[in-house]
Protein backbone atom coordinates (compact mmCIF):
# COMPACT_ATOMS: atom_id res chain seq x y z
CA MET A 1 3.56 26.71 35.64
CA PHE A 2 5.63 25.52 32.74
CA GLU A 3 8.58 22.98 32.70
CA ARG A 4 10.87 21.71 30.46
CA ILE A 5 12.90 18.77 30.58
CA SER A 6 14.87 16.74 29.24
CA ILE A 7 14.12 13.02 28.13
CA HIS A 8 17.69 12.37 29.70
CA ASP A 9 16.36 13.77 33.17
CA LYS A 10 15.88 10.93 35.78
CA SER A 11 13.26 12.32 37.00
CA VAL A 12 11.35 12.44 33.94
CA LEU A 13 8.87 9.97 34.46
CA ILE A 14 8.00 10.92 38.19
CA LYS A 15 7.74 14.51 37.21
CA ALA A 16 5.48 13.07 34.03
CA CYS A 17 3.26 10.97 36.51
CA SER A 18 3.17 13.12 39.14
CA ILE A 19 1.13 15.96 36.71
CA LEU A 20 -0.75 13.54 34.90
CA GLU A 21 -2.15 13.10 38.07
CA MET A 22 -2.94 16.25 39.60
CA GLY A 23 -5.17 16.84 36.16
CA GLY A 24 -1.98 18.54 34.38
CA ILE A 25 -1.37 18.03 30.22
CA ILE A 26 2.23 17.36 29.29
CA ALA A 27 4.18 17.29 25.62
CA TYR A 28 6.09 14.32 25.02
CA PRO A 29 7.99 12.79 22.33
CA THR A 30 6.59 9.75 20.38
CA ASP A 31 8.28 7.18 17.70
CA THR A 32 6.65 10.02 14.52
CA ILE A 33 5.91 13.47 16.62
CA TYR A 34 5.47 15.00 19.85
CA GLY A 35 1.98 14.00 21.54
CA LEU A 36 -0.32 15.93 24.05
CA GLY A 37 -0.84 13.24 27.49
CA CYS A 38 -3.34 13.91 30.34
CA ASP A 39 -5.26 11.66 32.12
CA ALA A 40 -7.65 9.88 29.98
CA LEU A 41 -10.42 8.77 32.64
CA ASN A 42 -10.47 12.54 34.11
CA ASP A 43 -12.77 14.66 32.29
CA HIS A 44 -11.48 18.28 33.24
CA ALA A 45 -7.97 17.64 31.78
CA ILE A 46 -9.72 15.98 28.84
CA GLN A 47 -11.96 19.22 28.16
CA LYS A 48 -8.82 21.25 29.11
CA LEU A 49 -7.11 19.66 26.11
CA ASN A 50 -9.97 19.86 24.10
CA SER A 51 -9.66 23.33 24.78
CA ILE A 52 -5.83 23.87 23.93
CA LYS A 53 -6.85 21.68 20.93
CA GLN A 54 -9.21 24.00 19.87
CA ARG A 55 -12.11 20.22 19.16
CA LYS A 56 -14.21 17.94 20.93
CA GLY A 57 -14.06 14.56 19.61
CA PRO A 58 -12.20 11.18 19.88
CA MET A 59 -8.96 10.61 20.84
CA SER A 60 -6.38 8.15 20.94
CA VAL A 61 -4.44 6.61 23.40
CA LEU A 62 -0.51 5.19 24.86
CA CYS A 63 -0.64 1.69 25.49
CA SER A 64 2.18 -0.19 27.31
CA ASP A 65 2.09 -3.47 24.91
CA ILE A 66 0.08 -5.47 22.64
CA GLU A 67 -1.58 -7.57 25.52
CA THR A 68 -3.00 -4.65 27.17
CA GLY A 69 -4.41 -2.94 23.90
CA LEU A 70 -6.22 -7.01 23.73
CA SER A 71 -7.82 -6.29 27.37
CA TRP A 72 -9.26 -3.21 26.03
CA MET A 73 -11.13 -4.60 23.24
CA ASP A 74 -14.49 -5.26 22.30
CA LEU A 75 -13.37 -7.81 20.28
CA PRO A 76 -14.72 -11.35 19.22
CA ASP A 77 -11.00 -13.48 18.82
CA HIS A 78 -11.07 -13.73 15.21
CA GLU A 79 -10.61 -10.04 15.28
CA LYS A 80 -8.38 -9.57 17.94
CA ILE A 81 -5.95 -11.86 15.62
CA ASN A 82 -6.34 -9.08 13.08
CA ALA A 83 -5.89 -5.90 15.30
CA GLU A 84 -2.66 -7.78 17.03
CA GLU A 85 -1.44 -7.53 13.15
CA LYS A 86 -1.85 -4.01 13.07
CA MET A 87 -0.40 -2.93 16.16
CA ARG A 88 3.40 -2.38 15.31
CA ALA A 89 4.70 0.90 15.47
CA ALA A 90 4.00 4.41 14.21
CA THR A 91 -0.12 3.14 13.45
CA THR A 92 -2.88 3.95 15.42
CA ILE A 93 -6.16 1.49 15.30
CA ILE A 94 -9.43 2.37 16.43
CA VAL A 95 -11.44 -0.55 17.55
CA PRO A 96 -14.66 -0.92 20.28
CA ILE A 97 -13.79 -1.46 23.49
CA LYS A 98 -15.25 -2.20 26.87
CA ASP A 99 -16.22 -0.01 29.38
CA LYS A 100 -14.13 2.06 32.53
CA ILE A 101 -11.17 1.82 30.42
CA VAL A 102 -11.41 5.15 29.04
CA SER A 103 -13.40 8.36 29.62
CA LYS A 104 -16.63 8.67 27.37
CA LEU A 105 -15.16 12.24 26.36
CA ILE A 106 -12.37 10.97 24.39
CA MET A 107 -14.51 7.65 23.16
CA GLY A 108 -15.85 7.32 18.74
CA GLU A 109 -18.62 5.54 17.80
CA ARG A 110 -19.53 2.64 18.85
CA ASN A 111 -17.71 2.59 22.53
CA SER A 112 -14.90 2.69 19.94
CA LEU A 113 -11.07 4.11 20.30
CA GLY A 114 -8.17 4.61 19.05
CA ILE A 115 -5.05 2.64 20.11
CA ARG A 116 -1.35 3.20 19.80
CA ILE A 117 1.91 1.13 20.79
CA PRO A 118 5.13 3.73 20.11
CA ASP A 119 8.61 2.33 19.70
CA HIS A 120 9.81 4.56 22.10
CA ASN A 121 11.13 3.86 25.18
CA PHE A 122 9.68 7.02 27.24
CA CYS A 123 6.11 5.94 26.55
CA ILE A 124 5.91 2.52 27.01
CA ASN A 125 7.66 3.37 30.48
CA LEU A 126 5.08 6.15 30.94
CA ALA A 127 2.14 4.06 30.44
CA ASN A 128 3.93 1.27 33.00
CA ASN A 129 3.68 3.63 34.91
CA TYR A 130 0.57 5.25 35.20
CA SER A 131 -2.22 3.93 36.17
CA SER A 132 -5.10 4.96 33.53
CA PRO A 133 -4.32 5.21 29.77
CA ILE A 134 -2.62 8.89 28.05
CA THR A 135 -4.50 10.32 25.64
CA THR A 136 -1.85 10.79 22.56
CA THR A 137 -2.91 13.55 20.42
CA SER A 138 -0.74 15.71 17.96
CA VAL A 139 0.70 18.85 19.77
CA ASN A 140 -1.18 21.55 17.90
CA ARG A 141 -4.27 23.20 17.09
CA SER A 142 -6.97 21.93 15.31
CA GLY A 143 -6.20 22.31 11.26
CA GLN A 144 -2.35 23.85 11.88
CA ASN A 145 1.18 21.11 11.15
CA PRO A 146 1.88 18.98 14.78
CA HIS A 147 4.51 20.77 16.13
CA THR A 148 8.05 18.70 16.11
CA ASN A 149 10.55 20.99 17.51
CA PRO A 150 10.22 21.87 21.87
CA ASP A 151 10.86 25.30 21.37
CA GLU A 152 8.16 25.70 19.22
CA ILE A 153 5.66 24.14 21.39
CA GLN A 154 7.29 26.46 24.39
CA ILE A 155 6.87 29.07 22.98
CA GLU A 156 2.93 28.03 21.55
CA PHE A 157 1.85 26.21 24.54
CA SER A 158 3.71 27.12 27.92
CA ASN A 159 0.28 29.46 28.98
CA GLU A 160 -1.55 25.57 28.69
CA ILE A 161 0.50 23.07 29.43
CA ALA A 162 2.36 21.79 32.08
CA LEU A 163 5.26 19.57 30.65
CA CYS A 164 7.17 19.63 28.02
CA ILE A 165 9.79 16.60 27.48
CA ASP A 166 12.30 17.40 25.37
CA ASP A 167 13.87 14.50 23.05
CA GLY A 168 15.50 17.23 20.58
CA ILE A 169 13.59 18.25 17.16
CA ILE A 170 11.47 15.17 15.30
CA LYS A 171 11.28 14.22 12.18
CA GLY A 172 8.70 12.59 11.91
CA ARG A 173 4.68 12.91 10.69
CA GLY A 174 1.42 11.40 12.03
CA SER A 175 0.88 7.75 12.69
CA ALA A 176 -0.94 5.60 9.86
CA ILE A 177 -4.83 4.51 11.16
CA TYR A 178 -6.44 1.76 10.88
CA LYS A 179 -10.38 1.58 11.57
CA PHE A 180 -12.46 -1.72 12.74
CA ASN A 181 -15.72 -0.58 11.16
CA ASN A 182 -18.80 -3.23 10.43
CA GLY A 183 -16.27 -6.37 10.37
CA ASN A 184 -13.80 -4.65 8.35
CA TRP A 185 -10.23 -2.82 8.64
CA GLU A 186 -10.40 0.91 6.78
CA VAL A 187 -7.02 3.01 6.12
CA LEU A 188 -7.85 6.37 7.44
CA ARG A 189 -4.25 7.76 7.12
């Protein structure tokens, strides 16, 4: 059953975490656009999210802070310094990570994962209060433009997601993406 709740509702964080724990999908605001999230260790939830997106493949996760992100990475220390410099608002970095951080279903080649620290208090609080990493992928079907309006999200996805956290219309665009590949940092977007 679908629910739409204001970002200012005192129970928003508890409701979001509860839905994630039950394997549900949520739509939530970030500093750039709305994201779709599920428990990044729950294969069933990830398969459901892939079905909603009409695609398969790598996905990024929310991260609450730089220290946590660095602890997930399987990089030499000197490359972690470069990664730390790139981990800022409106940026996703794709790096090799250690085993058992997330499901293999959302990892890319060579055990890579997109890591994102949004400059949005709700995202930081959600990542801090949930026991596993949470996926972050744009709210859209593959090949379509991301939704930035909660009304549109409700119209298109209310039969497929459990919760939309309403923070109004977000006039942003997707994050910049850096990928660590064979010792080099590539700009993907």
